[in-house]
N, C-alpha and C. Protein backbone atom coordinates (compact mmCIF):
# COMPACT_ATOMS: atom_id res chain seq x y z
N MET A 1 -50.34 249.58 184.15
CA MET A 1 -49.60 248.64 183.33
C MET A 1 -49.39 247.33 184.07
N LEU A 2 -48.85 247.41 185.28
CA LEU A 2 -48.60 246.20 186.06
C LEU A 2 -49.61 246.01 187.17
N SER A 3 -50.60 246.88 187.26
CA SER A 3 -51.48 246.87 188.43
C SER A 3 -52.12 245.51 188.68
N GLY A 4 -52.53 244.80 187.64
CA GLY A 4 -53.12 243.48 187.81
C GLY A 4 -52.12 242.43 188.23
N SER A 5 -50.86 242.65 187.93
CA SER A 5 -49.81 241.69 188.25
C SER A 5 -49.14 241.95 189.59
N LEU A 6 -49.35 243.13 190.16
CA LEU A 6 -48.65 243.48 191.40
C LEU A 6 -48.90 242.51 192.55
N PRO A 7 -50.13 242.00 192.75
CA PRO A 7 -50.32 241.02 193.84
C PRO A 7 -49.46 239.77 193.64
N VAL A 8 -49.33 239.31 192.41
CA VAL A 8 -48.50 238.14 192.11
C VAL A 8 -47.03 238.48 192.30
N LEU A 9 -46.61 239.62 191.76
CA LEU A 9 -45.21 240.03 191.86
C LEU A 9 -44.80 240.32 193.30
N ALA A 10 -45.75 240.75 194.12
CA ALA A 10 -45.44 241.03 195.53
C ALA A 10 -45.01 239.78 196.28
N GLN A 11 -45.37 238.60 195.76
CA GLN A 11 -45.01 237.33 196.40
C GLN A 11 -43.68 236.80 195.89
N LYS A 12 -43.07 237.48 194.95
CA LYS A 12 -41.84 237.01 194.31
C LYS A 12 -40.61 237.72 194.88
N ARG A 13 -39.50 237.02 194.87
CA ARG A 13 -38.23 237.65 195.22
C ARG A 13 -37.65 238.21 193.93
N ILE A 14 -37.66 239.52 193.84
CA ILE A 14 -37.17 240.22 192.65
C ILE A 14 -35.85 240.86 192.98
N ILE A 15 -34.88 240.66 192.10
CA ILE A 15 -33.53 241.20 192.28
C ILE A 15 -33.25 242.19 191.16
N LEU A 16 -32.77 243.38 191.51
CA LEU A 16 -32.25 244.33 190.53
C LEU A 16 -30.73 244.19 190.55
N ALA A 17 -30.17 243.73 189.45
CA ALA A 17 -28.73 243.49 189.36
C ALA A 17 -28.02 244.76 188.88
N SER A 18 -28.22 245.83 189.62
CA SER A 18 -27.65 247.11 189.23
C SER A 18 -27.58 248.02 190.44
N GLY A 19 -26.55 248.81 190.50
CA GLY A 19 -26.43 249.82 191.53
C GLY A 19 -26.91 251.18 191.06
N SER A 20 -27.48 251.25 189.86
CA SER A 20 -27.92 252.50 189.27
C SER A 20 -29.09 253.11 190.04
N PRO A 21 -28.93 254.33 190.54
CA PRO A 21 -30.05 254.98 191.22
C PRO A 21 -31.25 255.17 190.29
N ARG A 22 -31.01 255.43 189.02
CA ARG A 22 -32.11 255.64 188.07
C ARG A 22 -32.90 254.36 187.85
N ARG A 23 -32.22 253.23 187.72
CA ARG A 23 -32.92 251.96 187.53
C ARG A 23 -33.73 251.60 188.78
N LYS A 24 -33.16 251.86 189.93
CA LYS A 24 -33.87 251.63 191.19
C LYS A 24 -35.14 252.49 191.24
N GLU A 25 -35.00 253.74 190.86
CA GLU A 25 -36.13 254.67 190.85
C GLU A 25 -37.23 254.20 189.88
N LEU A 26 -36.82 253.69 188.72
CA LEU A 26 -37.80 253.21 187.74
C LEU A 26 -38.61 252.03 188.29
N LEU A 27 -37.93 251.08 188.93
CA LEU A 27 -38.66 249.93 189.49
C LEU A 27 -39.54 250.35 190.66
N GLN A 28 -39.06 251.27 191.47
CA GLN A 28 -39.88 251.76 192.57
C GLN A 28 -41.13 252.45 192.03
N GLY A 29 -40.98 253.17 190.92
CA GLY A 29 -42.11 253.85 190.29
C GLY A 29 -43.17 252.89 189.79
N LEU A 30 -42.77 251.65 189.51
CA LEU A 30 -43.74 250.63 189.10
C LEU A 30 -44.45 249.99 190.28
N GLY A 31 -43.98 250.31 191.49
CA GLY A 31 -44.59 249.75 192.68
C GLY A 31 -44.07 248.37 193.05
N LEU A 32 -42.91 248.00 192.50
CA LEU A 32 -42.34 246.68 192.78
C LEU A 32 -41.50 246.70 194.04
N LYS A 33 -41.56 245.61 194.80
CA LYS A 33 -40.65 245.40 195.92
C LYS A 33 -39.50 244.56 195.37
N PHE A 34 -38.27 244.98 195.65
CA PHE A 34 -37.11 244.29 195.10
C PHE A 34 -35.90 244.54 195.97
N GLU A 35 -34.89 243.70 195.76
CA GLU A 35 -33.59 243.86 196.41
C GLU A 35 -32.59 244.31 195.36
N VAL A 36 -31.61 245.06 195.79
CA VAL A 36 -30.53 245.50 194.89
C VAL A 36 -29.29 244.68 195.20
N ILE A 37 -28.80 243.96 194.19
CA ILE A 37 -27.53 243.25 194.28
C ILE A 37 -26.75 243.62 193.02
N PRO A 38 -25.86 244.62 193.13
CA PRO A 38 -25.15 245.07 191.93
C PRO A 38 -24.23 243.99 191.36
N SER A 39 -24.14 243.98 190.06
CA SER A 39 -23.23 243.07 189.37
C SER A 39 -21.79 243.53 189.55
N THR A 40 -20.89 242.56 189.58
CA THR A 40 -19.46 242.88 189.61
C THR A 40 -18.81 242.54 188.27
N PHE A 41 -19.63 242.26 187.25
CA PHE A 41 -19.09 241.95 185.92
C PHE A 41 -18.25 243.12 185.44
N ALA A 42 -17.07 242.83 184.92
CA ALA A 42 -16.08 243.85 184.57
C ALA A 42 -16.47 244.74 183.39
N GLU A 43 -17.46 244.37 182.62
CA GLU A 43 -17.88 245.15 181.45
C GLU A 43 -16.71 245.42 180.51
N ASN A 44 -15.96 244.37 180.22
CA ASN A 44 -14.78 244.52 179.39
C ASN A 44 -14.83 243.66 178.13
N LEU A 45 -16.02 243.45 177.60
CA LEU A 45 -16.15 242.65 176.39
C LEU A 45 -15.46 243.38 175.23
N GLU A 46 -14.88 242.61 174.35
CA GLU A 46 -14.19 243.19 173.18
C GLU A 46 -15.24 243.66 172.17
N LYS A 47 -15.35 244.96 172.01
CA LYS A 47 -16.38 245.54 171.15
C LYS A 47 -16.26 245.08 169.70
N SER A 48 -15.06 244.80 169.24
CA SER A 48 -14.87 244.40 167.84
C SER A 48 -15.46 243.02 167.55
N GLN A 49 -15.80 242.27 168.59
CA GLN A 49 -16.40 240.94 168.40
C GLN A 49 -17.88 241.01 168.03
N PHE A 50 -18.45 242.21 168.07
CA PHE A 50 -19.88 242.38 167.83
C PHE A 50 -20.09 243.20 166.56
N SER A 51 -21.01 242.75 165.73
CA SER A 51 -21.24 243.43 164.46
C SER A 51 -22.09 244.69 164.61
N HIS A 52 -22.75 244.85 165.75
CA HIS A 52 -23.59 246.02 165.97
C HIS A 52 -23.58 246.37 167.46
N PRO A 53 -23.63 247.66 167.79
CA PRO A 53 -23.63 248.05 169.22
C PRO A 53 -24.76 247.41 170.03
N SER A 54 -25.90 247.14 169.40
CA SER A 54 -27.00 246.52 170.14
C SER A 54 -26.63 245.13 170.63
N GLN A 55 -25.81 244.42 169.87
CA GLN A 55 -25.36 243.09 170.30
C GLN A 55 -24.41 243.20 171.49
N TYR A 56 -23.55 244.18 171.45
CA TYR A 56 -22.60 244.42 172.54
C TYR A 56 -23.34 244.73 173.84
N VAL A 57 -24.28 245.67 173.79
CA VAL A 57 -24.99 246.07 175.00
C VAL A 57 -25.87 244.93 175.52
N ALA A 58 -26.45 244.15 174.60
CA ALA A 58 -27.28 243.01 175.01
C ALA A 58 -26.44 241.96 175.74
N GLU A 59 -25.27 241.68 175.21
CA GLU A 59 -24.40 240.69 175.85
C GLU A 59 -23.89 241.18 177.20
N THR A 60 -23.58 242.46 177.31
CA THR A 60 -23.14 243.02 178.58
C THR A 60 -24.24 242.91 179.63
N ALA A 61 -25.47 243.26 179.27
CA ALA A 61 -26.59 243.15 180.22
C ALA A 61 -26.79 241.69 180.64
N HIS A 62 -26.66 240.77 179.67
CA HIS A 62 -26.84 239.35 179.97
C HIS A 62 -25.74 238.85 180.92
N ARG A 63 -24.51 239.25 180.67
CA ARG A 63 -23.40 238.82 181.54
C ARG A 63 -23.57 239.38 182.95
N LYS A 64 -24.08 240.60 183.06
CA LYS A 64 -24.35 241.16 184.39
C LYS A 64 -25.38 240.31 185.13
N ALA A 65 -26.41 239.91 184.42
CA ALA A 65 -27.45 239.08 185.03
C ALA A 65 -26.88 237.74 185.49
N LEU A 66 -26.09 237.12 184.63
CA LEU A 66 -25.50 235.83 184.98
C LEU A 66 -24.54 235.95 186.16
N ASP A 67 -23.83 237.07 186.24
CA ASP A 67 -22.92 237.31 187.36
C ASP A 67 -23.69 237.33 188.69
N VAL A 68 -24.80 238.04 188.72
CA VAL A 68 -25.58 238.12 189.96
C VAL A 68 -26.30 236.79 190.23
N HIS A 69 -26.75 236.12 189.18
CA HIS A 69 -27.35 234.78 189.34
C HIS A 69 -26.35 233.86 190.04
N GLU A 70 -25.11 233.87 189.57
CA GLU A 70 -24.08 233.02 190.18
C GLU A 70 -23.85 233.39 191.64
N THR A 71 -23.81 234.68 191.92
CA THR A 71 -23.63 235.14 193.30
C THR A 71 -24.74 234.63 194.20
N ILE A 72 -25.96 234.73 193.75
CA ILE A 72 -27.11 234.33 194.58
C ILE A 72 -27.20 232.82 194.73
N VAL A 73 -27.17 232.12 193.60
CA VAL A 73 -27.46 230.68 193.60
C VAL A 73 -26.25 229.85 194.01
N GLN A 74 -25.09 230.14 193.43
CA GLN A 74 -23.93 229.28 193.68
C GLN A 74 -23.12 229.69 194.89
N LYS A 75 -23.00 230.98 195.15
CA LYS A 75 -22.18 231.41 196.28
C LYS A 75 -22.98 231.54 197.56
N ARG A 76 -24.19 232.08 197.47
CA ARG A 76 -25.02 232.26 198.66
C ARG A 76 -25.97 231.09 198.90
N HIS A 77 -26.13 230.25 197.89
CA HIS A 77 -27.04 229.10 197.97
C HIS A 77 -28.47 229.55 198.30
N GLU A 78 -28.88 230.62 197.62
CA GLU A 78 -30.22 231.16 197.78
C GLU A 78 -30.97 231.04 196.46
N LYS A 79 -32.24 231.37 196.49
CA LYS A 79 -33.08 231.37 195.30
C LYS A 79 -33.63 232.77 195.08
N TYR A 80 -34.09 233.00 193.90
CA TYR A 80 -34.81 234.21 193.56
C TYR A 80 -35.89 233.80 192.55
N ASP A 81 -36.79 234.69 192.26
CA ASP A 81 -37.81 234.41 191.25
C ASP A 81 -37.52 235.15 189.95
N ILE A 82 -37.21 236.44 190.08
CA ILE A 82 -36.98 237.29 188.91
C ILE A 82 -35.74 238.12 189.17
N LEU A 83 -34.85 238.16 188.19
CA LEU A 83 -33.63 238.96 188.29
C LEU A 83 -33.59 239.86 187.06
N ILE A 84 -33.38 241.16 187.28
CA ILE A 84 -33.41 242.13 186.20
C ILE A 84 -32.06 242.83 186.13
N SER A 85 -31.46 242.83 184.93
CA SER A 85 -30.22 243.59 184.73
C SER A 85 -30.38 244.42 183.47
N ALA A 86 -29.53 245.43 183.36
CA ALA A 86 -29.59 246.30 182.19
C ALA A 86 -28.22 246.93 181.96
N ASP A 87 -28.05 247.40 180.74
CA ASP A 87 -26.86 248.16 180.39
C ASP A 87 -27.26 249.19 179.35
N THR A 88 -26.63 250.34 179.39
CA THR A 88 -26.91 251.42 178.45
C THR A 88 -25.61 251.92 177.87
N ILE A 89 -25.61 252.16 176.57
CA ILE A 89 -24.44 252.73 175.90
C ILE A 89 -24.88 253.89 175.00
N VAL A 90 -23.94 254.75 174.73
CA VAL A 90 -24.13 255.85 173.79
C VAL A 90 -23.25 255.57 172.58
N VAL A 91 -23.81 255.77 171.38
CA VAL A 91 -23.07 255.53 170.15
C VAL A 91 -23.09 256.80 169.31
N LEU A 92 -21.92 257.28 168.97
CA LEU A 92 -21.75 258.46 168.12
C LEU A 92 -20.84 258.08 166.97
N ASP A 93 -21.27 258.33 165.76
CA ASP A 93 -20.49 258.00 164.56
C ASP A 93 -20.06 256.54 164.56
N LYS A 94 -20.98 255.65 164.93
CA LYS A 94 -20.77 254.20 164.96
C LYS A 94 -19.73 253.75 165.98
N GLN A 95 -19.37 254.63 166.90
CA GLN A 95 -18.41 254.30 167.95
C GLN A 95 -19.11 254.34 169.31
N ILE A 96 -18.86 253.31 170.11
CA ILE A 96 -19.40 253.28 171.46
C ILE A 96 -18.60 254.24 172.32
N ILE A 97 -19.30 255.14 172.98
CA ILE A 97 -18.65 256.12 173.84
C ILE A 97 -18.63 255.55 175.26
N GLU A 98 -17.45 255.47 175.81
CA GLU A 98 -17.28 254.92 177.16
C GLU A 98 -17.69 255.95 178.21
N LYS A 99 -17.98 255.45 179.41
CA LYS A 99 -18.25 256.34 180.52
C LYS A 99 -17.00 257.18 180.77
N PRO A 100 -17.17 258.45 181.04
CA PRO A 100 -16.00 259.31 181.25
C PRO A 100 -15.21 258.90 182.48
N ALA A 101 -13.90 258.96 182.34
CA ALA A 101 -13.01 258.58 183.43
C ALA A 101 -12.68 259.75 184.34
N SER A 102 -12.98 260.96 183.90
CA SER A 102 -12.67 262.16 184.67
C SER A 102 -13.62 263.28 184.26
N VAL A 103 -13.60 264.36 185.00
CA VAL A 103 -14.42 265.52 184.67
C VAL A 103 -13.98 266.08 183.31
N GLU A 104 -12.69 266.13 183.08
CA GLU A 104 -12.18 266.63 181.80
C GLU A 104 -12.66 265.76 180.64
N HIS A 105 -12.61 264.45 180.83
CA HIS A 105 -13.09 263.53 179.80
C HIS A 105 -14.59 263.72 179.57
N ALA A 106 -15.36 263.95 180.65
CA ALA A 106 -16.80 264.18 180.52
C ALA A 106 -17.06 265.44 179.70
N HIS A 107 -16.30 266.50 179.94
CA HIS A 107 -16.44 267.73 179.15
C HIS A 107 -16.13 267.47 177.68
N GLU A 108 -15.10 266.70 177.43
CA GLU A 108 -14.73 266.35 176.05
C GLU A 108 -15.87 265.59 175.35
N LEU A 109 -16.47 264.64 176.07
CA LEU A 109 -17.58 263.89 175.51
C LEU A 109 -18.78 264.79 175.22
N LEU A 110 -19.09 265.67 176.15
CA LEU A 110 -20.21 266.59 175.94
C LEU A 110 -19.97 267.49 174.73
N ARG A 111 -18.74 267.95 174.57
CA ARG A 111 -18.41 268.77 173.38
C ARG A 111 -18.59 267.97 172.10
N SER A 112 -18.23 266.68 172.13
CA SER A 112 -18.37 265.86 170.92
C SER A 112 -19.84 265.59 170.58
N LEU A 113 -20.71 265.59 171.58
CA LEU A 113 -22.14 265.37 171.36
C LEU A 113 -22.88 266.66 171.00
N SER A 114 -22.31 267.79 171.35
CA SER A 114 -22.97 269.08 171.20
C SER A 114 -23.46 269.32 169.77
N GLY A 115 -24.75 269.61 169.66
CA GLY A 115 -25.35 269.95 168.38
C GLY A 115 -25.47 268.79 167.40
N ARG A 116 -25.32 267.57 167.89
CA ARG A 116 -25.31 266.40 167.01
C ARG A 116 -26.33 265.37 167.46
N SER A 117 -26.60 264.46 166.56
CA SER A 117 -27.48 263.34 166.84
C SER A 117 -26.63 262.12 167.22
N HIS A 118 -27.10 261.37 168.20
CA HIS A 118 -26.44 260.12 168.57
C HIS A 118 -27.50 259.11 168.97
N HIS A 119 -27.09 257.89 169.20
CA HIS A 119 -28.02 256.82 169.56
C HIS A 119 -27.69 256.31 170.96
N VAL A 120 -28.75 255.99 171.69
CA VAL A 120 -28.62 255.40 173.02
C VAL A 120 -29.29 254.03 172.95
N TYR A 121 -28.55 253.01 173.36
CA TYR A 121 -29.06 251.64 173.37
C TYR A 121 -29.14 251.19 174.82
N THR A 122 -30.30 250.67 175.20
CA THR A 122 -30.45 250.08 176.52
C THR A 122 -30.91 248.64 176.34
N ALA A 123 -30.15 247.73 176.93
CA ALA A 123 -30.49 246.30 176.88
C ALA A 123 -30.94 245.87 178.27
N VAL A 124 -31.93 244.99 178.28
CA VAL A 124 -32.44 244.44 179.54
C VAL A 124 -32.43 242.92 179.42
N THR A 125 -31.96 242.28 180.47
CA THR A 125 -32.09 240.83 180.60
C THR A 125 -32.91 240.55 181.84
N ILE A 126 -33.91 239.71 181.68
CA ILE A 126 -34.73 239.28 182.81
C ILE A 126 -34.56 237.77 182.93
N LEU A 127 -34.05 237.34 184.07
CA LEU A 127 -33.92 235.91 184.34
C LEU A 127 -35.06 235.48 185.25
N VAL A 128 -35.70 234.38 184.90
CA VAL A 128 -36.79 233.83 185.70
C VAL A 128 -36.36 232.44 186.15
N LEU A 129 -36.28 232.26 187.46
CA LEU A 129 -35.85 230.99 188.03
C LEU A 129 -37.05 230.33 188.71
N LYS A 130 -37.53 229.27 188.10
CA LYS A 130 -38.70 228.57 188.64
C LYS A 130 -38.27 227.50 189.63
N ASP A 131 -39.15 227.18 190.55
CA ASP A 131 -38.87 226.14 191.54
C ASP A 131 -38.41 224.86 190.86
N GLY A 132 -37.34 224.31 191.38
CA GLY A 132 -36.82 223.05 190.85
C GLY A 132 -35.85 223.21 189.69
N ASP A 133 -35.80 224.39 189.09
CA ASP A 133 -34.88 224.62 187.98
C ASP A 133 -33.54 225.10 188.51
N SER A 134 -32.47 224.61 187.92
CA SER A 134 -31.14 225.10 188.31
C SER A 134 -30.69 226.23 187.39
N GLN A 135 -31.25 226.28 186.19
CA GLN A 135 -30.90 227.33 185.24
C GLN A 135 -32.13 228.19 184.95
N PRO A 136 -31.94 229.49 184.89
CA PRO A 136 -33.08 230.37 184.65
C PRO A 136 -33.43 230.47 183.17
N ALA A 137 -34.67 230.84 182.90
CA ALA A 137 -35.08 231.21 181.55
C ALA A 137 -34.69 232.67 181.37
N ALA A 138 -34.12 233.00 180.24
CA ALA A 138 -33.66 234.36 179.97
C ALA A 138 -34.56 235.03 178.94
N HIS A 139 -34.95 236.25 179.25
CA HIS A 139 -35.72 237.09 178.33
C HIS A 139 -34.90 238.36 178.12
N ARG A 140 -34.61 238.65 176.85
CA ARG A 140 -33.71 239.77 176.55
C ARG A 140 -34.35 240.68 175.51
N PHE A 141 -34.08 241.98 175.66
CA PHE A 141 -34.50 242.92 174.62
C PHE A 141 -33.60 244.15 174.66
N VAL A 142 -33.58 244.86 173.54
CA VAL A 142 -32.78 246.09 173.40
C VAL A 142 -33.69 247.17 172.83
N GLU A 143 -33.59 248.36 173.40
CA GLU A 143 -34.31 249.53 172.88
C GLU A 143 -33.28 250.54 172.39
N GLU A 144 -33.58 251.15 171.25
CA GLU A 144 -32.71 252.17 170.67
C GLU A 144 -33.46 253.49 170.63
N THR A 145 -32.78 254.55 171.02
CA THR A 145 -33.35 255.89 170.97
C THR A 145 -32.37 256.80 170.26
N GLU A 146 -32.89 257.56 169.30
CA GLU A 146 -32.05 258.58 168.66
C GLU A 146 -32.24 259.88 169.44
N VAL A 147 -31.13 260.49 169.80
CA VAL A 147 -31.15 261.70 170.61
C VAL A 147 -30.52 262.83 169.83
N GLN A 148 -31.23 263.95 169.75
CA GLN A 148 -30.65 265.15 169.16
C GLN A 148 -30.18 266.01 170.32
N PHE A 149 -28.89 266.13 170.43
CA PHE A 149 -28.27 266.87 171.54
C PHE A 149 -28.22 268.34 171.17
N GLY A 150 -28.64 269.20 172.08
CA GLY A 150 -28.61 270.64 171.82
C GLY A 150 -27.19 271.17 171.71
N GLN A 151 -27.08 272.34 171.12
CA GLN A 151 -25.77 272.98 170.96
C GLN A 151 -25.37 273.57 172.30
N LEU A 152 -24.21 273.16 172.81
CA LEU A 152 -23.71 273.72 174.06
C LEU A 152 -22.92 274.98 173.76
N THR A 153 -23.13 275.99 174.58
CA THR A 153 -22.41 277.24 174.36
C THR A 153 -21.13 277.32 175.18
N LYS A 154 -21.13 276.64 176.34
CA LYS A 154 -19.91 276.59 177.15
C LYS A 154 -19.99 275.43 178.12
N LEU A 155 -18.83 275.02 178.62
CA LEU A 155 -18.76 273.96 179.64
C LEU A 155 -17.98 274.48 180.82
């Protein structure tokens, strides 16, 4: 997929704006060399301001990217070529399910998903900062997956 582009990408400073081990693993699987600079964005956008969960997750991913862009360019006075951020949410019955705050909350969430269908939205923002530009070009997309969760017998 990227094999023809790898020599070009190998010359670029690529930043993964995430501390997610899974996202790191995915980029490593593509053969990309990159640095990890996790976003400190609070992820506290008001969900009611968005008419669809895909808009919420897209804006969250974009804000994470901008947060790391600011850290690199304005605070560290450094440059990068490509910055990648992402966010993933689970939606059940048109409600965004938050990350569990405790083991008990995680069990409650798993019980609510058991034997049911839900949607997973992943948004990606890719910022490209070209030489001489102070503002990056942003490329954004959202993928939706419907998941049929198996029936859990016990937790």
